[in-house]
Amino acid sequence: MQNFHEFVNYAAHRPEMMRALAGQFGLDQKQTDTITQMLMSAIAGGLLTNVQREGAEPLIDALENGKHEKLLEKAKTPGENLFNVLQEGNGILGHILGNKDVSRQVAGAIEQKTNVEAQIIKTMLPIIAAVVMGLLAQNRRKQGAEKFSGNLMSLIDMNRDGSPIDDIVRLVGALK
């Protein structure tokens, strides 16, 4: 995948995962796709901010040492007990978004755009965070550590202008 936009589209069009999420939350497929893309955009914004502030090493360490691919498989399985995914996803969100207030703001903004209850969105958020990290870990494993590390900034620079900062602004603006 060349950039995070392609990554988000890839993840959002995983039919098994979308069916599992739709069934889990009683949403139709269109609602699930829309919310998933918006949540992934918010998580991407958090990742971009963290990489800009701290560098890529903490993210790479998390991808190396976490169980993210296993969580991804659980999230894709219809009827799977998602307790572990939710628990791990909340930990991931703590690192990516910083605090629960940001998660609440994200859920509130998406509720306004989709008319889906914020409580459902808040429950989906840690699952999507685990999915994003699982997909990043999977991508890293497939590319190899060195190539992934070198491509990380280009992966999150969605418009390929050499800086992910404008992408953060656009992602955050899309949620307002």
C-alpha atoms as a PDB file:
ATOM      1  CA  MET A   1       0.000   0.000   0.000  1.00  0.00           C
ATOM      2  CA  GLN A   2       1.379   3.356  -0.999  1.00  0.00           C
ATOM      3  CA  ASN A   3      -0.292   5.587   1.600  1.00  0.00           C
ATOM      4  CA  PHE A   4      -2.713   5.619   4.507  1.00  0.00           C
ATOM      5  CA  HIS A   5      -5.646   6.547   2.272  1.00  0.00           C
ATOM      6  CA  GLU A   6      -5.192   3.308   0.324  1.00  0.00           C
ATOM      7  CA  PHE A   7      -4.698   1.535   3.634  1.00  0.00           C
ATOM      8  CA  VAL A   8      -8.000   2.885   4.985  1.00  0.00           C
ATOM      9  CA  ASN A   9      -9.821   1.911   1.797  1.00  0.00           C
ATOM     10  CA  TYR A  10      -8.302  -1.573   1.922  1.00  0.00           C
ATOM     11  CA  ALA A  11      -9.384  -2.062   5.523  1.00  0.00           C
ATOM     12  CA  ALA A  12     -12.850  -0.632   4.992  1.00  0.00           C
ATOM     13  CA  HIS A  13     -13.498  -3.022   2.130  1.00  0.00           C
ATOM     14  CA  ARG A  14     -12.670  -6.220   4.002  1.00  0.00           C
ATOM     15  CA  PRO A  15     -16.104  -7.841   3.685  1.00  0.00           C
ATOM     16  CA  GLU A  16     -15.643 -10.315   6.532  1.00  0.00           C
ATOM     17  CA  MET A  17     -14.640  -7.564   8.936  1.00  0.00           C
ATOM     18  CA  MET A  18     -17.422  -5.215   7.839  1.00  0.00           C
ATOM     19  CA  ARG A  19     -20.046  -7.959   8.149  1.00  0.00           C
ATOM     20  CA  ALA A  20     -18.754  -8.840  11.623  1.00  0.00           C
ATOM     21  CA  LEU A  21     -18.883  -5.205  12.759  1.00  0.00           C
ATOM     22  CA  ALA A  22     -22.299  -4.565  11.213  1.00  0.00           C
ATOM     23  CA  GLY A  23     -23.724  -7.649  12.915  1.00  0.00           C
ATOM     24  CA  GLN A  24     -22.063  -6.881  16.235  1.00  0.00           C
ATOM     25  CA  PHE A  25     -23.567  -3.382  16.387  1.00  0.00           C
ATOM     26  CA  GLY A  26     -26.847  -3.852  14.545  1.00  0.00           C
ATOM     27  CA  LEU A  27     -25.885  -1.440  11.761  1.00  0.00           C
ATOM     28  CA  ASP A  28     -26.369  -1.754   8.048  1.00  0.00           C
ATOM     29  CA  GLN A  29     -23.385  -2.133   5.756  1.00  0.00           C
ATOM     30  CA  LYS A  30     -23.364   1.486   4.572  1.00  0.00           C
ATOM     31  CA  GLN A  31     -23.427   2.843   8.129  1.00  0.00           C
ATOM     32  CA  THR A  32     -20.641   0.469   9.136  1.00  0.00           C
ATOM     33  CA  ASP A  33     -18.472   1.440   6.153  1.00  0.00           C
ATOM     34  CA  THR A  34     -18.973   5.160   6.778  1.00  0.00           C
ATOM     35  CA  ILE A  35     -18.276   4.979  10.505  1.00  0.00           C
ATOM     36  CA  THR A  36     -15.275   2.702  10.006  1.00  0.00           C
ATOM     37  CA  GLN A  37     -13.708   5.074   7.497  1.00  0.00           C
ATOM     38  CA  MET A  38     -14.298   8.057   9.780  1.00  0.00           C
ATOM     39  CA  LEU A  39     -12.859   6.232  12.798  1.00  0.00           C
ATOM     40  CA  MET A  40      -9.837   5.113  10.800  1.00  0.00           C
ATOM     41  CA  SER A  41      -9.288   8.688   9.697  1.00  0.00           C
ATOM     42  CA  ALA A  42      -9.357   9.865  13.319  1.00  0.00           C
ATOM     43  CA  ILE A  43      -6.904   7.131  14.310  1.00  0.00           C
ATOM     44  CA  ALA A  44      -4.679   8.006  11.354  1.00  0.00           C
ATOM     45  CA  GLY A  45      -4.676  11.609  12.547  1.00  0.00           C
ATOM     46  CA  GLY A  46      -3.591  10.466  16.002  1.00  0.00           C
ATOM     47  CA  LEU A  47      -0.854   8.280  14.545  1.00  0.00           C
ATOM     48  CA  LEU A  48       0.357  11.122  12.353  1.00  0.00           C
ATOM     49  CA  THR A  49       0.487  13.465  15.336  1.00  0.00           C
ATOM     50  CA  ASN A  50       2.391  10.928  17.431  1.00  0.00           C
ATOM     51  CA  VAL A  51       4.920  10.161  14.694  1.00  0.00           C
ATOM     52  CA  GLN A  52       5.498  13.874  14.156  1.00  0.00           C
ATOM     53  CA  ARG A  53       5.951  14.468  17.894  1.00  0.00           C
ATOM     54  CA  GLU A  54       7.856  11.327  18.938  1.00  0.00           C
ATOM     55  CA  GLY A  55       9.250   9.857  15.741  1.00  0.00           C
ATOM     56  CA  ALA A  56       8.419   6.460  14.284  1.00  0.00           C
ATOM     57  CA  GLU A  57      10.291   4.309  16.828  1.00  0.00           C
ATOM     58  CA  PRO A  58       7.492   4.029  19.446  1.00  0.00           C
ATOM     59  CA  LEU A  59       5.039   2.961  16.732  1.00  0.00           C
ATOM     60  CA  ILE A  60       7.477   0.455  15.283  1.00  0.00           C
ATOM     61  CA  ASP A  61       8.219  -0.927  18.756  1.00  0.00           C
ATOM     62  CA  ALA A  62       4.493  -1.335  19.388  1.00  0.00           C
ATOM     63  CA  LEU A  63       4.054  -3.139  16.073  1.00  0.00           C
ATOM     64  CA  GLU A  64       6.975  -5.466  16.860  1.00  0.00           C
ATOM     65  CA  ASN A  65       5.956  -6.272  20.411  1.00  0.00           C
ATOM     66  CA  GLY A  66       2.155  -6.254  20.267  1.00  0.00           C
ATOM     67  CA  LYS A  67      -0.403  -8.931  19.428  1.00  0.00           C
ATOM     68  CA  HIS A  68      -1.959  -6.719  16.787  1.00  0.00           C
ATOM     69  CA  GLU A  69      -2.305  -9.264  13.975  1.00  0.00           C
ATOM     70  CA  LYS A  70      -4.088 -11.703  16.316  1.00  0.00           C
ATOM     71  CA  LEU A  71      -6.496  -8.927  17.318  1.00  0.00           C
ATOM     72  CA  LEU A  72      -7.098  -8.181  13.640  1.00  0.00           C
ATOM     73  CA  GLU A  73      -8.091 -11.798  13.025  1.00  0.00           C
ATOM     74  CA  LYS A  74     -10.492 -11.738  15.993  1.00  0.00           C
ATOM     75  CA  ALA A  75     -12.098  -8.508  14.771  1.00  0.00           C
ATOM     76  CA  LYS A  76     -12.675 -10.037  11.330  1.00  0.00           C
ATOM     77  CA  THR A  77     -14.447 -13.128  12.677  1.00  0.00           C
ATOM     78  CA  PRO A  78     -18.262 -12.877  12.840  1.00  0.00           C
ATOM     79  CA  GLY A  79     -19.592 -13.808  16.272  1.00  0.00           C
ATOM     80  CA  GLU A  80     -16.156 -13.614  17.896  1.00  0.00           C
ATOM     81  CA  ASN A  81     -16.070 -12.437  21.504  1.00  0.00           C
ATOM     82  CA  LEU A  82     -14.494  -9.012  21.145  1.00  0.00           C
ATOM     83  CA  PHE A  83     -13.657  -8.439  24.826  1.00  0.00           C
ATOM     84  CA  ASN A  84      -9.890  -8.840  24.274  1.00  0.00           C
ATOM     85  CA  VAL A  85     -10.058  -6.680  21.156  1.00  0.00           C
ATOM     86  CA  LEU A  86     -11.893  -3.956  23.093  1.00  0.00           C
ATOM     87  CA  GLN A  87      -9.477  -4.161  26.014  1.00  0.00           C
ATOM     88  CA  GLU A  88      -6.360  -4.003  23.822  1.00  0.00           C
ATOM     89  CA  GLY A  89      -7.981  -1.395  21.571  1.00  0.00           C
ATOM     90  CA  ASN A  90      -8.575   0.900  24.553  1.00  0.00           C
ATOM     91  CA  GLY A  91      -4.897   0.622  25.418  1.00  0.00           C
ATOM     92  CA  ILE A  92      -3.993   1.475  21.830  1.00  0.00           C
ATOM     93  CA  LEU A  93      -6.327   4.477  21.903  1.00  0.00           C
ATOM     94  CA  GLY A  94      -4.633   5.714  25.057  1.00  0.00           C
ATOM     95  CA  HIS A  95      -1.377   5.878  23.117  1.00  0.00           C
ATOM     96  CA  ILE A  96      -2.816   7.183  19.864  1.00  0.00           C
ATOM     97  CA  LEU A  97      -5.387   9.748  21.028  1.00  0.00           C
ATOM     98  CA  GLY A  98      -4.038  10.474  24.472  1.00  0.00           C
ATOM     99  CA  ASN A  99      -7.189  10.523  26.592  1.00  0.00           C
ATOM    100  CA  LYS A 100     -10.845   9.591  26.744  1.00  0.00           C
ATOM    101  CA  ASP A 101     -11.978  13.150  26.061  1.00  0.00           C
ATOM    102  CA  VAL A 102     -10.544  12.944  22.549  1.00  0.00           C
ATOM    103  CA  SER A 103     -12.350   9.627  21.992  1.00  0.00           C
ATOM    104  CA  ARG A 104     -15.594  11.207  23.166  1.00  0.00           C
ATOM    105  CA  GLN A 105     -15.074  14.171  20.826  1.00  0.00           C
ATOM    106  CA  VAL A 106     -14.453  11.828  17.906  1.00  0.00           C
ATOM    107  CA  ALA A 107     -17.579   9.807  18.737  1.00  0.00           C
ATOM    108  CA  GLY A 108     -19.664  12.982  19.103  1.00  0.00           C
ATOM    109  CA  ALA A 109     -18.473  14.390  15.781  1.00  0.00           C
ATOM    110  CA  ILE A 110     -19.212  11.122  13.978  1.00  0.00           C
ATOM    111  CA  GLU A 111     -22.617  10.865  15.673  1.00  0.00           C
ATOM    112  CA  GLN A 112     -23.483  14.304  14.254  1.00  0.00           C
ATOM    113  CA  LYS A 113     -22.522  13.209  10.734  1.00  0.00           C
ATOM    114  CA  THR A 114     -24.103   9.734  10.776  1.00  0.00           C
ATOM    115  CA  ASN A 115     -26.980   9.884  13.284  1.00  0.00           C
ATOM    116  CA  VAL A 116     -25.649   6.693  14.878  1.00  0.00           C
ATOM    117  CA  GLU A 117     -25.540   6.793  18.687  1.00  0.00           C
ATOM    118  CA  ALA A 118     -22.242   7.986  20.131  1.00  0.00           C
ATOM    119  CA  GLN A 119     -22.223   4.979  22.493  1.00  0.00           C
ATOM    120  CA  ILE A 120     -22.070   2.595  19.516  1.00  0.00           C
ATOM    121  CA  ILE A 121     -19.296   4.664  17.947  1.00  0.00           C
ATOM    122  CA  LYS A 122     -17.360   4.769  21.248  1.00  0.00           C
ATOM    123  CA  THR A 123     -17.577   0.981  21.396  1.00  0.00           C
ATOM    124  CA  MET A 124     -16.446   0.623  17.784  1.00  0.00           C
ATOM    125  CA  LEU A 125     -13.488   2.984  18.246  1.00  0.00           C
ATOM    126  CA  PRO A 126     -11.195   0.598  20.183  1.00  0.00           C
ATOM    127  CA  ILE A 127     -12.031  -2.211  17.760  1.00  0.00           C
ATOM    128  CA  ILE A 128     -11.048  -0.041  14.806  1.00  0.00           C
ATOM    129  CA  ALA A 129      -7.884   1.069  16.644  1.00  0.00           C
ATOM    130  CA  ALA A 130      -6.932  -2.601  17.057  1.00  0.00           C
ATOM    131  CA  VAL A 131      -7.732  -3.214  13.386  1.00  0.00           C
ATOM    132  CA  VAL A 132      -5.542  -0.299  12.254  1.00  0.00           C
ATOM    133  CA  MET A 133      -2.630  -1.517  14.356  1.00  0.00           C
ATOM    134  CA  GLY A 134      -3.213  -5.079  13.126  1.00  0.00           C
ATOM    135  CA  LEU A 135      -3.145  -3.950   9.518  1.00  0.00           C
ATOM    136  CA  LEU A 136      -0.007  -1.892  10.127  1.00  0.00           C
ATOM    137  CA  ALA A 137       1.658  -4.882  11.812  1.00  0.00           C
ATOM    138  CA  GLN A 138       0.619  -7.121   8.934  1.00  0.00           C
ATOM    139  CA  ASN A 139       1.908  -4.604   6.402  1.00  0.00           C
ATOM    140  CA  ARG A 140       5.188  -4.305   8.318  1.00  0.00           C
ATOM    141  CA  ARG A 141       5.635  -8.089   8.435  1.00  0.00           C
ATOM    142  CA  LYS A 142       4.953  -8.434   4.702  1.00  0.00           C
ATOM    143  CA  GLN A 143       7.267  -5.564   3.721  1.00  0.00           C
ATOM    144  CA  GLY A 144      10.031  -6.386   6.176  1.00  0.00           C
ATOM    145  CA  ALA A 145      11.147  -4.200   9.060  1.00  0.00           C
ATOM    146  CA  GLU A 146      13.655  -2.059   7.172  1.00  0.00           C
ATOM    147  CA  LYS A 147      11.442  -1.315   4.187  1.00  0.00           C
ATOM    148  CA  PHE A 148       8.408  -0.581   6.400  1.00  0.00           C
ATOM    149  CA  SER A 149      10.387   1.804   8.605  1.00  0.00           C
ATOM    150  CA  GLY A 150      11.619   3.648   5.542  1.00  0.00           C
ATOM    151  CA  ASN A 151       8.126   3.767   4.057  1.00  0.00           C
ATOM    152  CA  LEU A 152       6.256   4.737   7.225  1.00  0.00           C
ATOM    153  CA  MET A 153       6.278   8.476   6.610  1.00  0.00           C
ATOM    154  CA  SER A 154       5.296   8.001   2.974  1.00  0.00           C
ATOM    155  CA  LEU A 155       2.541   5.603   4.113  1.00  0.00           C
ATOM    156  CA  ILE A 156       0.984   8.268   6.329  1.00  0.00           C
ATOM    157  CA  ASP A 157       1.635  11.141   3.884  1.00  0.00           C
ATOM    158  CA  MET A 158      -1.655  10.614   2.061  1.00  0.00           C
ATOM    159  CA  ASN A 159      -1.250  13.211  -0.674  1.00  0.00           C
ATOM    160  CA  ARG A 160       2.461  12.485  -1.150  1.00  0.00           C
ATOM    161  CA  ASP A 161       3.554  16.095  -0.754  1.00  0.00           C
ATOM    162  CA  GLY A 162       6.420  15.191   1.583  1.00  0.00           C
ATOM    163  CA  SER A 163       4.647  16.214   4.794  1.00  0.00           C
ATOM    164  CA  PRO A 164       1.861  14.448   6.701  1.00  0.00           C
ATOM    165  CA  ILE A 165       0.950  17.666   8.600  1.00  0.00           C
ATOM    166  CA  ASP A 166      -1.594  18.826   6.017  1.00  0.00           C
ATOM    167  CA  ASP A 167      -3.120  15.358   6.097  1.00  0.00           C
ATOM    168  CA  ILE A 168      -3.651  15.647   9.864  1.00  0.00           C
ATOM    169  CA  VAL A 169      -5.435  18.970   9.382  1.00  0.00           C
ATOM    170  CA  ARG A 170      -7.636  17.510   6.629  1.00  0.00           C
ATOM    171  CA  LEU A 171      -8.517  14.386   8.649  1.00  0.00           C
ATOM    172  CA  VAL A 172      -9.399  16.364  11.752  1.00  0.00           C
ATOM    173  CA  GLY A 173     -11.366  18.878   9.671  1.00  0.00           C
ATOM    174  CA  ALA A 174     -13.404  16.064   8.118  1.00  0.00           C
ATOM    175  CA  LEU A 175     -14.666  15.094  11.559  1.00  0.00           C
ATOM    176  CA  LYS A 176     -15.832  18.587  12.531  1.00  0.00           C
END
